[in-house]
Amino acid sequence: MFPLKGFYDLHVHPSPDVKKRKFTDPELAARLAAAEMGGVVLKNHFSETASRAALLQEQFPQLKIAGGIVLNRPNGGINPYAVQNCIELGGKFLWMPTLDARKYQLCKHPEMKPEEAEKFLYLLDEAGNLLPAVREVLQLAAEVDLTVATGHISAEEGKKVVAAARKSGVKKIIVTHADNPADFYSDAEQLECVKMGAVIEHCCFNVYNGQTSVAELARQIRLVGCGHVLLSSDFGQPGSPYPDEGLSQMAEALLAEGFTVSDIEEMMKKNPEKLLGTGC
């Protein structure tokens, strides 16, 4: 297995959670510490994870552990108050809507009626501009150097979030699993986001469940270059491998596609280290 010493995983779903998960926070941290990894970001679709990250950091000082908040409906949607609260708890990551994003729900449930879809979150007004609350949370993120990720919103929304985040002064922006069917970014859209300063994320989960082939993953990485790519696991589902297993398998698969050890280190160590920051 590919050694993961000093590597990071910035997208993991441990328990406690509303959904059933494969491992708890301490179980996850113990595995990553045993693999001599550098750190991890805890993600939860329904509640902030900054407080959990703080507790886990005390137990595993050899890791850099961070949390944040996803702007789904249980957190009030695009809620500046929830973001400010998460910041005060030490949160480092801000995700746009995920499971409550309208685009995600319509992709998963194409038969959904318009009146039902309207219950979910869409970040643009009738004129196609970002809602004022989105701009407000991006300004909060810029003031304290949060990392902003696009979540499961559409590429149309995502590109406008990236542009507004950069204009607000956000320095660290992630286009969340850009090859995922629910929030798919075309080649041109990925290149556009990279030009605006974003990093393109690809996850083990999409390869593991067959949504993206290794060959296609390799093509998309080469499209934007390893310097603009983040590789994460997005694991935590009961039937998925552990994150350390998934990252190691992905590294081996990409080596077989012609990438170098230095390339892997850039996407799993150097780039995530920059996004995580040194203050976590």
Protein backbone atom coordinates (compact mmCIF):
# COMPACT_ATOMS: atom_id res chain seq x y z
CA MET A 1 0.00 0.00 0.00
CA PHE A 2 1.15 3.53 -0.79
CA PRO A 3 2.56 5.20 2.37
CA LEU A 4 0.58 8.21 3.57
CA LYS A 5 3.06 9.81 5.97
CA GLY A 6 2.30 13.51 6.21
CA PHE A 7 -0.76 13.28 3.93
CA TYR A 8 -4.13 14.90 4.66
CA ASP A 9 -7.78 14.10 4.09
CA LEU A 10 -9.92 17.25 4.00
CA HIS A 11 -13.27 15.55 3.41
CA VAL A 12 -14.36 12.80 5.84
CA HIS A 13 -17.77 11.92 7.37
CA PRO A 14 -17.36 10.28 10.82
CA SER A 15 -20.02 9.79 13.47
CA PRO A 16 -21.82 11.14 15.41
CA ASP A 17 -24.07 11.87 12.45
CA VAL A 18 -27.71 11.72 11.40
CA LYS A 19 -26.66 9.14 8.82
CA LYS A 20 -25.08 5.82 9.80
CA ARG A 21 -21.29 6.01 9.53
CA LYS A 22 -18.46 3.47 9.43
CA PHE A 23 -16.37 5.00 12.22
CA THR A 24 -16.41 7.53 15.04
CA ASP A 25 -14.22 10.61 15.34
CA PRO A 26 -11.70 8.87 17.67
CA GLU A 27 -11.63 5.71 15.52
CA LEU A 28 -10.86 7.81 12.46
CA ALA A 29 -8.12 9.81 14.17
CA ALA A 30 -6.50 6.67 15.57
CA ARG A 31 -6.27 5.14 12.09
CA LEU A 32 -4.84 8.29 10.54
CA ALA A 33 -2.33 8.67 13.36
CA ALA A 34 -1.26 5.04 12.91
CA ALA A 35 -0.70 5.76 9.21
CA GLU A 36 1.37 8.82 10.25
CA MET A 37 -0.91 11.12 8.29
CA GLY A 38 -0.75 14.87 8.80
CA GLY A 39 -4.36 15.75 9.48
CA VAL A 40 -8.05 15.63 8.66
CA VAL A 41 -11.15 17.79 8.29
CA LEU A 42 -14.39 16.52 9.81
CA LYS A 43 -17.52 17.17 7.75
CA ASN A 44 -21.17 16.80 8.69
CA HIS A 45 -24.08 17.75 6.45
CA PHE A 46 -26.32 18.75 9.34
CA SER A 47 -24.28 20.26 12.19
CA GLU A 48 -21.06 22.16 12.76
CA THR A 49 -17.92 20.10 13.44
CA ALA A 50 -15.61 22.76 14.88
CA SER A 51 -16.38 21.76 18.48
CA ARG A 52 -15.81 18.07 17.70
CA ALA A 53 -12.53 18.90 16.00
CA ALA A 54 -11.36 20.84 19.06
CA LEU A 55 -12.03 17.88 21.36
CA LEU A 56 -10.37 15.44 18.99
CA GLN A 57 -7.34 17.72 18.57
CA GLU A 58 -6.67 17.44 22.31
CA GLN A 59 -6.67 13.65 22.07
CA PHE A 60 -4.47 13.49 18.96
CA PRO A 61 -1.99 16.40 19.09
CA GLN A 62 0.17 14.76 16.40
CA LEU A 63 -2.58 15.47 13.82
CA LYS A 64 -3.93 18.76 12.51
CA ILE A 65 -7.70 18.44 12.93
CA ALA A 66 -10.26 20.97 11.75
CA GLY A 67 -13.99 21.32 11.36
CA GLY A 68 -16.47 23.80 9.99
CA ILE A 69 -20.05 24.19 8.90
CA VAL A 70 -22.18 23.18 5.91
CA LEU A 71 -24.90 25.68 5.02
CA ASN A 72 -27.77 23.18 4.87
CA ARG A 73 -31.26 23.74 6.26
CA PRO A 74 -30.59 22.34 9.79
CA ASN A 75 -27.94 25.07 10.15
CA GLY A 76 -30.34 27.72 8.91
CA GLY A 77 -29.31 27.58 5.26
CA ILE A 78 -27.25 30.58 4.19
CA ASN A 79 -27.04 31.75 7.78
CA PRO A 80 -24.40 34.35 8.73
CA TYR A 81 -25.18 33.86 12.43
CA ALA A 82 -24.38 30.15 12.25
CA VAL A 83 -21.15 30.93 10.35
CA GLN A 84 -20.10 33.49 12.95
CA ASN A 85 -20.84 31.00 15.73
CA CYS A 86 -18.75 28.35 13.98
CA ILE A 87 -15.89 30.83 13.58
CA GLU A 88 -15.97 31.55 17.31
CA LEU A 89 -15.82 27.80 17.96
CA GLY A 90 -12.64 27.64 15.90
CA GLY A 91 -14.11 26.46 12.59
CA LYS A 92 -11.82 26.55 9.56
CA PHE A 93 -14.06 25.37 6.68
CA LEU A 94 -17.25 26.76 5.17
CA TRP A 95 -19.20 24.58 2.75
CA MET A 96 -22.04 25.81 0.59
CA PRO A 97 -25.22 23.64 0.68
CA THR A 98 -24.75 19.92 0.06
CA LEU A 99 -27.65 17.50 0.56
CA ASP A 100 -30.08 20.43 0.73
CA ALA A 101 -28.83 22.03 -2.49
CA ARG A 102 -31.67 22.18 -5.02
CA LYS A 103 -29.42 20.92 -7.82
CA TYR A 104 -28.41 17.89 -5.78
CA GLN A 105 -32.01 17.03 -4.93
CA LEU A 106 -33.16 17.37 -8.54
CA CYS A 107 -30.32 15.14 -9.68
CA LYS A 108 -31.21 12.49 -7.12
CA HIS A 109 -34.98 12.87 -7.65
CA PRO A 110 -35.62 14.00 -11.26
CA GLU A 111 -39.33 13.35 -10.79
CA MET A 112 -39.51 16.02 -8.08
CA LYS A 113 -42.24 18.61 -8.60
CA PRO A 114 -41.25 22.31 -8.82
CA GLU A 115 -43.08 23.20 -5.61
CA GLU A 116 -41.14 20.51 -3.76
CA ALA A 117 -37.81 21.61 -5.27
CA GLU A 118 -38.39 25.15 -4.05
CA LYS A 119 -38.02 23.91 -0.47
CA PHE A 120 -34.34 23.29 -1.14
CA LEU A 121 -31.54 25.80 -1.37
CA TYR A 122 -30.63 27.79 -4.48
CA LEU A 123 -28.10 30.61 -4.21
CA LEU A 124 -29.14 32.85 -7.11
CA ASP A 125 -31.97 35.35 -7.41
CA GLU A 126 -34.29 35.70 -10.41
CA ALA A 127 -31.69 37.83 -12.19
CA GLY A 128 -29.00 35.18 -11.72
CA ASN A 129 -27.10 37.07 -9.03
CA LEU A 130 -25.89 35.64 -5.74
CA LEU A 131 -28.24 36.24 -2.83
CA PRO A 132 -27.06 38.94 -0.39
CA ALA A 133 -26.71 36.39 2.41
CA VAL A 134 -24.21 34.41 0.31
CA ARG A 135 -22.07 37.48 -0.12
CA GLU A 136 -22.32 38.14 3.63
CA VAL A 137 -21.05 34.69 4.62
CA LEU A 138 -18.24 34.96 2.07
CA GLN A 139 -17.18 38.25 3.63
CA LEU A 140 -17.13 36.58 7.06
CA ALA A 141 -14.99 33.81 5.60
CA ALA A 142 -12.55 36.31 4.14
CA GLU A 143 -12.16 38.19 7.42
CA VAL A 144 -10.90 35.11 9.29
CA ASP A 145 -9.32 33.18 6.41
CA LEU A 146 -11.81 30.30 6.24
CA THR A 147 -11.49 27.80 3.43
CA VAL A 148 -14.66 27.99 1.29
CA ALA A 149 -15.93 24.92 -0.60
CA THR A 150 -18.75 24.86 -3.13
CA GLY A 151 -20.60 21.82 -1.75
CA HIS A 152 -23.26 20.24 -3.99
CA ILE A 153 -24.60 23.38 -5.65
CA SER A 154 -24.73 23.58 -9.44
CA ALA A 155 -21.71 24.62 -11.46
CA GLU A 156 -23.58 27.79 -12.41
CA GLU A 157 -23.95 28.71 -8.75
CA GLY A 158 -20.48 27.42 -7.93
CA LYS A 159 -18.70 29.61 -10.46
CA LYS A 160 -20.42 32.68 -9.04
CA VAL A 161 -19.50 31.65 -5.50
CA VAL A 162 -15.86 31.24 -6.54
CA ALA A 163 -15.83 34.65 -8.22
CA ALA A 164 -17.52 36.39 -5.29
CA ALA A 165 -15.32 34.62 -2.74
CA ARG A 166 -12.18 35.77 -4.55
CA LYS A 167 -13.55 39.32 -4.83
CA SER A 168 -14.31 39.29 -1.09
CA GLY A 169 -10.74 38.32 -0.29
CA VAL A 170 -11.14 34.59 0.35
CA LYS A 171 -7.75 33.02 -0.32
CA LYS A 172 -8.62 29.30 -0.15
CA ILE A 173 -11.44 27.99 -2.37
CA ILE A 174 -12.35 24.40 -3.21
CA VAL A 175 -14.61 23.25 -6.03
CA THR A 176 -16.11 20.23 -4.28
CA HIS A 177 -15.79 16.86 -6.11
CA ALA A 178 -16.11 18.47 -9.54
CA ASP A 179 -16.61 15.11 -11.27
CA ASN A 180 -19.67 14.18 -9.21
CA PRO A 181 -22.82 13.93 -11.39
CA ALA A 182 -24.87 16.04 -8.95
CA ASP A 183 -22.56 19.05 -9.21
CA PHE A 184 -20.58 18.27 -12.36
CA TYR A 185 -18.17 20.88 -13.74
CA SER A 186 -17.23 20.65 -17.43
CA ASP A 187 -13.62 20.98 -18.55
CA ALA A 188 -14.20 24.63 -19.39
CA GLU A 189 -15.86 25.29 -16.03
CA GLN A 190 -13.02 23.64 -14.11
CA LEU A 191 -10.46 25.72 -15.98
CA GLU A 192 -12.52 28.86 -15.36
CA CYS A 193 -12.61 28.18 -11.61
CA VAL A 194 -8.88 27.46 -11.50
CA LYS A 195 -8.22 30.73 -13.30
CA MET A 196 -10.15 32.46 -10.50
CA GLY A 197 -7.91 30.82 -7.91
CA ALA A 198 -9.90 27.73 -6.89
CA VAL A 199 -8.59 24.21 -6.32
CA ILE A 200 -10.45 21.31 -7.96
CA GLU A 201 -11.32 18.47 -5.59
CA HIS A 202 -11.66 14.83 -6.64
CA CYS A 203 -12.74 12.16 -4.17
CA CYS A 204 -12.15 8.44 -3.71
CA PHE A 205 -15.89 8.00 -3.24
CA ASN A 206 -16.71 8.86 -6.86
CA VAL A 207 -14.16 6.34 -8.14
CA TYR A 208 -15.12 3.67 -5.61
CA ASN A 209 -18.81 3.77 -6.52
CA GLY A 210 -18.11 3.75 -10.26
CA GLN A 211 -19.21 7.30 -11.07
CA THR A 212 -15.73 8.23 -12.32
CA SER A 213 -13.20 5.84 -13.86
CA VAL A 214 -9.54 6.08 -12.90
CA ALA A 215 -8.71 6.96 -16.52
CA GLU A 216 -11.23 9.82 -16.50
CA LEU A 217 -9.97 10.99 -13.12
CA ALA A 218 -6.43 11.06 -14.51
CA ARG A 219 -7.61 13.03 -17.56
CA GLN A 220 -9.35 15.65 -15.44
CA ILE A 221 -6.31 16.02 -13.16
CA ARG A 222 -4.05 16.59 -16.14
CA LEU A 223 -6.56 19.10 -17.52
CA VAL A 224 -5.91 21.59 -14.71
CA GLY A 225 -2.55 20.30 -13.42
CA CYS A 226 -1.62 18.68 -10.11
CA GLY A 227 -0.88 22.07 -8.58
CA HIS A 228 -4.60 22.90 -8.73
CA VAL A 229 -6.00 19.55 -7.50
CA LEU A 230 -7.04 18.29 -4.06
CA LEU A 231 -7.53 14.55 -3.55
CA SER A 232 -9.82 13.58 -0.65
CA SER A 233 -11.69 10.45 0.38
CA ASP A 234 -15.28 11.66 1.11
CA PHE A 235 -15.58 8.36 3.00
CA GLY A 236 -17.54 7.45 6.09
CA GLN A 237 -20.31 5.42 4.45
CA PRO A 238 -20.68 1.97 6.10
CA GLY A 239 -19.91 0.13 2.85
CA SER A 240 -16.90 2.21 1.85
CA PRO A 241 -13.23 1.60 2.74
CA TYR A 242 -11.59 3.56 5.53
CA PRO A 243 -10.19 6.92 4.35
CA ASP A 244 -6.57 5.82 4.71
CA GLU A 245 -7.30 2.72 2.64
CA GLY A 246 -9.08 4.72 -0.04
CA LEU A 247 -6.35 7.36 -0.36
CA SER A 248 -3.66 4.69 -0.58
CA GLN A 249 -5.60 2.84 -3.27
CA MET A 250 -6.17 6.06 -5.22
CA ALA A 251 -2.46 6.85 -5.07
CA GLU A 252 -1.58 3.41 -6.41
CA ALA A 253 -4.15 3.76 -9.20
CA LEU A 254 -2.80 7.15 -10.26
CA LEU A 255 0.78 5.86 -10.23
CA ALA A 256 -0.40 3.19 -12.67
CA GLU A 257 -1.79 6.01 -14.85
CA GLY A 258 1.65 7.60 -15.11
CA PHE A 259 1.63 10.11 -12.27
CA THR A 260 4.76 10.40 -10.14
CA VAL A 261 5.19 10.14 -6.38
CA SER A 262 5.86 13.89 -6.42
CA ASP A 263 2.50 14.44 -8.18
CA ILE A 264 0.70 12.39 -5.52
CA GLU A 265 2.41 14.30 -2.73
CA GLU A 266 1.36 17.60 -4.29
CA MET A 267 -2.33 16.60 -4.43
CA MET A 268 -2.53 14.76 -1.09
CA LYS A 269 0.03 16.63 1.02
CA LYS A 270 1.19 20.02 -0.25
CA ASN A 271 -2.11 21.35 -1.61
CA PRO A 272 -4.27 20.17 1.33
CA GLU A 273 -1.70 21.49 3.79
CA LYS A 274 -2.10 24.94 2.25
CA LEU A 275 -5.90 24.68 2.38
CA LEU A 276 -5.91 23.45 5.96
CA GLY A 277 -3.45 26.14 7.06
CA THR A 278 -1.01 26.11 9.93
CA GLY A 279 -3.34 27.46 12.59
CA CYS A 280 -5.52 24.35 12.96
